[in-house]
């Protein structure tokens, strides 16, 4: 076994132990899902975006799908605003092939 391979294995083992012992250690510390929800609502309201479907995870990460009628410019701006917001630790975004019906 070469020296570099041995060194890599020695580094990998403690990392695996750390990840198993402290699974939340590498998550966003202090992420508040209520603050993330409020931040997301503010962004969508400010941009007048109703054509979305989203889920907010317990760690504050946003999983959002934009309807087909949302312009590319609005899609890009909304994602950037979410990623820039300090109360939203992460965003998974996509474009749907259909539209989501807003309430009348």
C-alpha atoms as a PDB file:
ATOM      1  CA  UNK A   1       0.000   0.000   0.000  1.00  0.00           C
ATOM      2  CA  UNK A   2       1.451   3.346  -0.983  1.00  0.00           C
ATOM      3  CA  UNK A   3       1.991   6.121   1.511  1.00  0.00           C
ATOM      4  CA  UNK A   4      -0.672   8.411  -0.009  1.00  0.00           C
ATOM      5  CA  UNK A   5      -3.292   5.629  -0.058  1.00  0.00           C
ATOM      6  CA  UNK A   6      -2.589   4.804   3.571  1.00  0.00           C
ATOM      7  CA  UNK A   7      -2.849   8.471   4.512  1.00  0.00           C
ATOM      8  CA  UNK A   8      -6.184   8.807   2.673  1.00  0.00           C
ATOM      9  CA  UNK A   9      -7.591   5.792   4.493  1.00  0.00           C
ATOM     10  CA  UNK A  10      -6.461   7.151   7.851  1.00  0.00           C
ATOM     11  CA  UNK A  11      -8.227  10.447   7.132  1.00  0.00           C
ATOM     12  CA  UNK A  12     -11.406   8.786   5.834  1.00  0.00           C
ATOM     13  CA  UNK A  13     -11.980   6.662   8.929  1.00  0.00           C
ATOM     14  CA  UNK A  14     -12.236   9.585  11.410  1.00  0.00           C
ATOM     15  CA  UNK A  15     -14.521  11.466   9.009  1.00  0.00           C
ATOM     16  CA  UNK A  16     -16.891   8.492   8.805  1.00  0.00           C
ATOM     17  CA  UNK A  17     -16.889   8.180  12.588  1.00  0.00           C
ATOM     18  CA  UNK A  18     -17.631  11.909  12.945  1.00  0.00           C
ATOM     19  CA  UNK A  19     -20.477  11.741  10.456  1.00  0.00           C
ATOM     20  CA  UNK A  20     -22.002   8.733  12.184  1.00  0.00           C
ATOM     21  CA  UNK A  21     -21.592  10.104  15.705  1.00  0.00           C
ATOM     22  CA  UNK A  22     -22.722  13.647  14.961  1.00  0.00           C
ATOM     23  CA  UNK A  23     -25.004  13.630  11.897  1.00  0.00           C
ATOM     24  CA  UNK A  24     -26.153  17.191  12.507  1.00  0.00           C
ATOM     25  CA  UNK A  25     -22.608  18.503  12.844  1.00  0.00           C
ATOM     26  CA  UNK A  26     -22.369  19.249   9.136  1.00  0.00           C
ATOM     27  CA  UNK A  27     -25.893  20.657   8.782  1.00  0.00           C
ATOM     28  CA  UNK A  28     -26.578  24.354   8.939  1.00  0.00           C
ATOM     29  CA  UNK A  29     -26.208  25.307  12.553  1.00  0.00           C
ATOM     30  CA  UNK A  30     -29.187  27.126  13.964  1.00  0.00           C
ATOM     31  CA  UNK A  31     -31.358  26.988  10.831  1.00  0.00           C
ATOM     32  CA  UNK A  32     -34.883  27.978  11.887  1.00  0.00           C
ATOM     33  CA  UNK A  33     -37.608  26.592   9.589  1.00  0.00           C
ATOM     34  CA  UNK A  34     -40.036  29.309  10.718  1.00  0.00           C
ATOM     35  CA  UNK A  35     -37.640  32.053   9.659  1.00  0.00           C
ATOM     36  CA  UNK A  36     -36.954  30.249   6.383  1.00  0.00           C
ATOM     37  CA  UNK A  37     -40.706  29.977   5.766  1.00  0.00           C
ATOM     38  CA  UNK A  38     -41.217  33.684   6.427  1.00  0.00           C
ATOM     39  CA  UNK A  39     -38.291  34.592   4.168  1.00  0.00           C
ATOM     40  CA  UNK A  40     -39.622  32.406   1.354  1.00  0.00           C
ATOM     41  CA  UNK A  41     -43.124  33.873   1.699  1.00  0.00           C
ATOM     42  CA  UNK A  42     -41.693  37.406   1.577  1.00  0.00           C
ATOM     43  CA  UNK A  43     -39.702  36.671  -1.581  1.00  0.00           C
ATOM     44  CA  UNK A  44     -42.639  35.035  -3.381  1.00  0.00           C
ATOM     45  CA  UNK A  45     -45.014  37.833  -2.311  1.00  0.00           C
ATOM     46  CA  UNK A  46     -42.576  40.606  -3.296  1.00  0.00           C
ATOM     47  CA  UNK A  47     -42.151  39.032  -6.729  1.00  0.00           C
ATOM     48  CA  UNK A  48     -45.888  38.280  -7.079  1.00  0.00           C
ATOM     49  CA  UNK A  49     -45.122  34.624  -7.790  1.00  0.00           C
ATOM     50  CA  UNK A  50     -48.086  32.295  -7.272  1.00  0.00           C
ATOM     51  CA  UNK A  51     -47.233  29.691  -9.880  1.00  0.00           C
ATOM     52  CA  UNK A  52     -45.012  27.579  -7.603  1.00  0.00           C
ATOM     53  CA  UNK A  53     -45.178  24.459  -5.507  1.00  0.00           C
ATOM     54  CA  UNK A  54     -42.765  24.111  -2.623  1.00  0.00           C
ATOM     55  CA  UNK A  55     -41.906  22.152   0.475  1.00  0.00           C
ATOM     56  CA  UNK A  56     -39.881  23.441   3.363  1.00  0.00           C
ATOM     57  CA  UNK A  57     -37.728  20.870   5.121  1.00  0.00           C
ATOM     58  CA  UNK A  58     -37.311  20.881   8.900  1.00  0.00           C
ATOM     59  CA  UNK A  59     -33.757  22.176   8.484  1.00  0.00           C
ATOM     60  CA  UNK A  60     -35.007  25.227   6.548  1.00  0.00           C
ATOM     61  CA  UNK A  61     -33.971  24.041   3.089  1.00  0.00           C
ATOM     62  CA  UNK A  62     -36.434  24.963   0.336  1.00  0.00           C
ATOM     63  CA  UNK A  63     -37.485  22.460  -2.343  1.00  0.00           C
ATOM     64  CA  UNK A  64     -39.395  24.484  -4.938  1.00  0.00           C
ATOM     65  CA  UNK A  65     -40.807  23.886  -8.423  1.00  0.00           C
ATOM     66  CA  UNK A  66     -41.828  26.784 -10.634  1.00  0.00           C
ATOM     67  CA  UNK A  67     -44.717  26.472 -13.076  1.00  0.00           C
ATOM     68  CA  UNK A  68     -44.110  26.531 -16.815  1.00  0.00           C
ATOM     69  CA  UNK A  69     -45.515  30.066 -17.200  1.00  0.00           C
ATOM     70  CA  UNK A  70     -42.922  31.622 -14.858  1.00  0.00           C
ATOM     71  CA  UNK A  71     -40.451  33.555 -16.995  1.00  0.00           C
ATOM     72  CA  UNK A  72     -36.808  32.535 -16.963  1.00  0.00           C
ATOM     73  CA  UNK A  73     -35.864  35.966 -15.572  1.00  0.00           C
ATOM     74  CA  UNK A  74     -38.287  35.600 -12.634  1.00  0.00           C
ATOM     75  CA  UNK A  75     -37.126  32.024 -12.055  1.00  0.00           C
ATOM     76  CA  UNK A  76     -33.463  33.070 -11.912  1.00  0.00           C
ATOM     77  CA  UNK A  77     -34.168  36.109  -9.713  1.00  0.00           C
ATOM     78  CA  UNK A  78     -36.270  34.136  -7.230  1.00  0.00           C
ATOM     79  CA  UNK A  79     -33.616  31.445  -6.876  1.00  0.00           C
ATOM     80  CA  UNK A  80     -30.883  34.037  -6.402  1.00  0.00           C
ATOM     81  CA  UNK A  81     -32.905  35.909  -3.771  1.00  0.00           C
ATOM     82  CA  UNK A  82     -33.522  32.673  -1.868  1.00  0.00           C
ATOM     83  CA  UNK A  83     -29.859  31.667  -2.014  1.00  0.00           C
ATOM     84  CA  UNK A  84     -28.780  35.128  -0.870  1.00  0.00           C
ATOM     85  CA  UNK A  85     -31.184  35.234   2.077  1.00  0.00           C
ATOM     86  CA  UNK A  86     -29.461  34.488   5.408  1.00  0.00           C
ATOM     87  CA  UNK A  87     -32.498  32.624   6.820  1.00  0.00           C
ATOM     88  CA  UNK A  88     -32.647  30.117   3.942  1.00  0.00           C
ATOM     89  CA  UNK A  89     -29.750  27.650   4.270  1.00  0.00           C
ATOM     90  CA  UNK A  90     -30.263  26.006   0.874  1.00  0.00           C
ATOM     91  CA  UNK A  91     -32.445  25.770  -2.216  1.00  0.00           C
ATOM     92  CA  UNK A  92     -33.323  22.925  -4.558  1.00  0.00           C
ATOM     93  CA  UNK A  93     -35.230  24.428  -7.478  1.00  0.00           C
ATOM     94  CA  UNK A  94     -36.675  23.159 -10.722  1.00  0.00           C
ATOM     95  CA  UNK A  95     -39.061  23.975 -13.542  1.00  0.00           C
ATOM     96  CA  UNK A  96     -42.310  22.109 -13.953  1.00  0.00           C
ATOM     97  CA  UNK A  97     -43.936  21.249 -17.265  1.00  0.00           C
ATOM     98  CA  UNK A  98     -47.354  22.408 -16.022  1.00  0.00           C
ATOM     99  CA  UNK A  99     -48.722  25.395 -14.145  1.00  0.00           C
ATOM    100  CA  UNK A 100     -49.980  25.468 -10.585  1.00  0.00           C
ATOM    101  CA  UNK A 101     -53.439  26.923 -10.171  1.00  0.00           C
ATOM    102  CA  UNK A 102     -53.516  30.058  -7.982  1.00  0.00           C
ATOM    103  CA  UNK A 103     -56.465  30.664  -5.688  1.00  0.00           C
ATOM    104  CA  UNK A 104     -59.049  33.123  -7.109  1.00  0.00           C
END
